[in-house]
Amino acid sequence: MNRSVRSVATALAVGFAVYFAARAVWWIVQPTVPLLMVAAILLYLIVMMATVLVEAPGEMQMPLWWGVVAVVASAAIPPMVSASLLPIHRTAPFATWYIGALGLLAVVCIVRRRAIAGWLVLLVLTVSSTVYLGVLVALELGLVGSIMWTIVAQLLVVFWDRAVRDTEHLADIQQAVSAWHATQLVRQRERRVRVQYALGTAGPVLTRTVASHGHLTEEERLEARLAEGRLRDELRGASLLNDAVRDAIQHARLRGAAVTVFDEGGLEELDEQRRAEIRDELADVLTRADTGRLIIRAARDSKTAVTVVGRSSAGDSSDEDSVGLWHEIPRER
């Protein structure tokens, strides 16, 4: 509950408590034991003010032990008031102040997240007023109002807590959506940068190829194959690449190795720090590889993010190639 709402609720509770105390001292008939009446009023004010203001570790919940005190006080006040008056005067307006007062105490206990204490206060009030006034008289003199206010308070607390939970849930969803949107924007920018990089690398070679009608020197053919490979890597495995991985793949192709990159979503749902660690490890593995064929695959797997397979290309077909390198990079560090 925010501070403004809590301040208003506190002011209302204190105001009504003072009203009931003032009503109690407005005697139209002298009590037979005035000190006992005054003691009941003072006990109520002390317990009520402490119930409203006493602090606890939670923002609204009052201590459990004070809930017990409130129940005990509610059991003591009606007998004290009734004992200070003659039976004929117990239905006077000033004599029944405790019905509304203890109903207010029950409401405050419920608002302070001690519902059991609040309902026990109401139960004690109902029993006491029935004993000293009778059921119908107690209901007529304010017990119905105390019961209704307690029920309303309980419903308001339930609805308030549910609204707070729903608001927090919606805030979490909004935060998650914002984070996802920001991540998508970053990845879109990364894809644009990578495509621009690939086109910037392959563009001049393609221009010369078109201009020469395909008649290239050996050096230009090598450059074209490397550019074609870089373009394919950017399209097929963009999330696996950084400058170190690109350089390692370039060096492998320059020594004659065939490198294939497949990105099937193996790095999805990983944070950017872990992605960077995986790329660095991948670059290190490719730098040390000496096989004739390298296959880099990032498949969707619960444990493995990237698999690097190196084949010797010794046989006539890929099935006859001997595996000279097998390295798995886990999703988790």
Foldseek 3Di string as FASTA:
>chain_A
DDPVVLVVVLVVLLVVLVVLLVLLPPDPDQFQAVVLSVVLSVLLNVLSNCLSDPDDPDPQAHDPVSLVVLLVSLLPNLVSLLVRHDLVCCLPRSNLSSLVSLLSVLLSNVRSVNNVSSVSSLVSSQVSCCVSPNNVSSCVNCNVVSVVSNVVSNVVVVVVVVVVVVVVVVVVVVVVVVVVVVVVVVVVVLLVVLQVVLCVQQVVLVVVCVVVVNDDDPVSVLSNVLSVVSNQCSVAPVLLDDPLQNVLVSVLVVVQAAEEEHEAPLQPPADPVLSVVNSVVNSVVSNPDDARYWYWYQHHDPWFGIWIWGWNPPDPDPVPTDTPDIDTDTNPD
